[in-house]
Amino acid sequence: TLEDDETQTRLVLALPFNRAWASLNKALPEAGFAIDDKNRSEGVFYLTFIGPQEEDSGGWFDWMWGGEDAHPLANRQYLLKVASVEEERMVISLLGIDGGSVERRDQQALLTVLKGTIN
């Protein structure tokens, strides 16, 4: 599920860390992210959003951003942080590559796309 507060949107997975990590490892490329690096012990993925690939064109992104040109978030780098709230509940946060905040609309859009690829 997605959780919102006034400044941040987070993705909550009802999974233990090992399963959440494996699910994200598989889902991120499907959601249009390139995994540049990762640090499992810190629960961090270093990502570049490359956007939907050719076979995916004409879908959700076109509707959201209104066109088939390059998506406004393409080629931006992010940190994806996996944090344990409880043993079987992980909170996924999308941060800027420097660990700073990301515009809330961008968080919502990217985490919604990611949520759609997690099995």
Protein backbone atom coordinates (compact mmCIF):
# COMPACT_ATOMS: atom_id res chain seq x y z
CA THR A 1 0.00 0.00 0.00
CA LEU A 2 1.01 3.63 -0.41
CA GLU A 3 1.14 5.82 2.70
CA ASP A 4 1.08 9.61 2.48
CA ASP A 5 1.87 12.31 4.98
CA GLU A 6 2.35 16.01 4.35
CA THR A 7 5.86 15.69 2.93
CA GLN A 8 6.45 12.12 1.82
CA THR A 9 4.84 9.16 0.12
CA ARG A 10 6.05 5.70 1.08
CA LEU A 11 5.34 2.19 -0.14
CA VAL A 12 4.56 -0.33 2.60
CA LEU A 13 5.14 -4.03 1.97
CA ALA A 14 3.76 -6.66 4.31
CA LEU A 15 6.85 -8.85 3.85
CA PRO A 16 9.96 -9.74 5.84
CA PHE A 17 13.13 -7.95 4.70
CA ASN A 18 14.51 -10.88 2.65
CA ARG A 19 11.34 -11.22 0.59
CA ALA A 20 10.88 -7.47 0.21
CA TRP A 21 14.49 -7.11 -1.01
CA ALA A 22 14.09 -9.94 -3.53
CA SER A 23 10.76 -8.56 -4.75
CA LEU A 24 12.22 -5.08 -5.25
CA ASN A 25 15.29 -6.49 -7.01
CA LYS A 26 12.96 -8.05 -9.58
CA ALA A 27 10.32 -5.29 -9.73
CA LEU A 28 12.59 -2.25 -10.11
CA PRO A 29 13.77 -3.07 -13.68
CA GLU A 30 10.18 -3.92 -14.65
CA ALA A 31 9.10 -0.49 -13.36
CA GLY A 32 11.64 1.31 -15.55
CA PHE A 33 14.51 1.65 -13.07
CA ALA A 34 18.13 0.71 -13.76
CA ILE A 35 19.80 -0.62 -10.60
CA ASP A 36 23.17 1.14 -10.57
CA ASP A 37 24.29 -0.33 -7.26
CA LYS A 38 22.82 -1.75 -4.07
CA ASN A 39 23.83 -2.27 -0.46
CA ARG A 40 21.72 -4.98 1.11
CA SER A 41 23.13 -4.50 4.63
CA GLU A 42 22.04 -0.84 4.52
CA GLY A 43 18.81 -1.63 2.67
CA VAL A 44 19.58 0.80 -0.18
CA PHE A 45 19.22 0.61 -3.96
CA TYR A 46 20.97 3.24 -6.12
CA LEU A 47 18.77 3.79 -9.15
CA THR A 48 18.40 5.67 -12.38
CA PHE A 49 14.87 5.99 -13.70
CA ILE A 50 15.00 5.20 -17.40
CA GLY A 51 11.25 5.17 -17.96
CA PRO A 52 9.10 2.69 -19.81
CA GLN A 53 10.72 0.87 -22.68
CA GLU A 54 9.37 0.87 -26.24
CA GLU A 55 7.04 -2.09 -25.83
CA ASP A 56 5.43 -0.33 -22.86
CA SER A 57 4.66 2.93 -24.65
CA GLY A 58 1.12 4.19 -24.78
CA GLY A 59 0.36 3.23 -21.21
CA TRP A 60 0.02 4.76 -17.80
CA PHE A 61 2.93 7.19 -18.17
CA ASP A 62 1.54 8.70 -21.36
CA TRP A 63 -1.75 9.27 -19.63
CA MET A 64 -0.12 10.77 -16.55
CA TRP A 65 2.26 13.15 -18.34
CA GLY A 66 0.19 13.65 -21.46
CA GLY A 67 2.45 12.63 -24.29
CA GLU A 68 4.86 10.22 -25.84
CA ASP A 69 7.98 12.38 -25.57
CA ALA A 70 10.71 11.68 -23.04
CA HIS A 71 9.25 11.45 -19.58
CA PRO A 72 10.11 14.30 -17.24
CA LEU A 73 11.68 11.93 -14.70
CA ALA A 74 13.81 9.97 -17.18
CA ASN A 75 17.53 9.76 -16.38
CA ARG A 76 17.09 11.05 -12.83
CA GLN A 77 18.93 9.22 -10.07
CA TYR A 78 17.38 8.10 -6.79
CA LEU A 79 18.01 6.17 -3.60
CA LEU A 80 15.40 3.61 -2.64
CA LYS A 81 15.55 2.84 1.09
CA VAL A 82 14.07 -0.33 2.58
CA ALA A 83 13.44 0.06 6.31
CA SER A 84 11.93 -2.42 8.72
CA VAL A 85 9.04 -1.08 10.79
CA GLU A 86 8.12 -4.49 12.14
CA GLU A 87 9.49 -7.94 11.37
CA GLU A 88 7.00 -8.47 8.54
CA ARG A 89 6.44 -4.86 7.46
CA MET A 90 8.88 -2.87 5.33
CA VAL A 91 8.60 0.80 4.45
CA ILE A 92 10.08 1.80 1.08
CA SER A 93 11.15 5.44 0.66
CA LEU A 94 12.28 7.15 -2.53
CA LEU A 95 14.96 9.78 -1.94
CA GLY A 96 17.20 11.94 -4.06
CA ILE A 97 20.60 10.43 -4.90
CA ASP A 98 22.10 12.60 -2.13
CA GLY A 99 19.55 11.29 0.39
CA GLY A 100 17.48 14.47 0.18
CA SER A 101 13.78 14.72 -0.50
CA VAL A 102 12.08 14.20 -3.85
CA GLU A 103 9.07 16.20 -5.01
CA ARG A 104 5.96 14.52 -3.64
CA ARG A 105 4.24 14.20 -7.02
CA ASP A 106 7.31 12.40 -8.37
CA GLN A 107 7.41 10.08 -5.34
CA GLN A 108 3.75 9.21 -5.80
CA ALA A 109 4.13 8.56 -9.52
CA LEU A 110 7.27 6.43 -9.28
CA LEU A 111 6.17 4.44 -6.22
CA THR A 112 2.78 3.77 -7.83
CA VAL A 113 4.51 2.38 -10.91
CA LEU A 114 6.82 0.29 -8.71
CA LYS A 115 3.88 -0.98 -6.65
CA GLY A 116 2.26 -2.22 -9.87
CA THR A 117 5.26 -4.45 -10.66
CA ILE A 118 5.71 -6.09 -7.24
CA ASN A 119 4.36 -9.64 -7.05
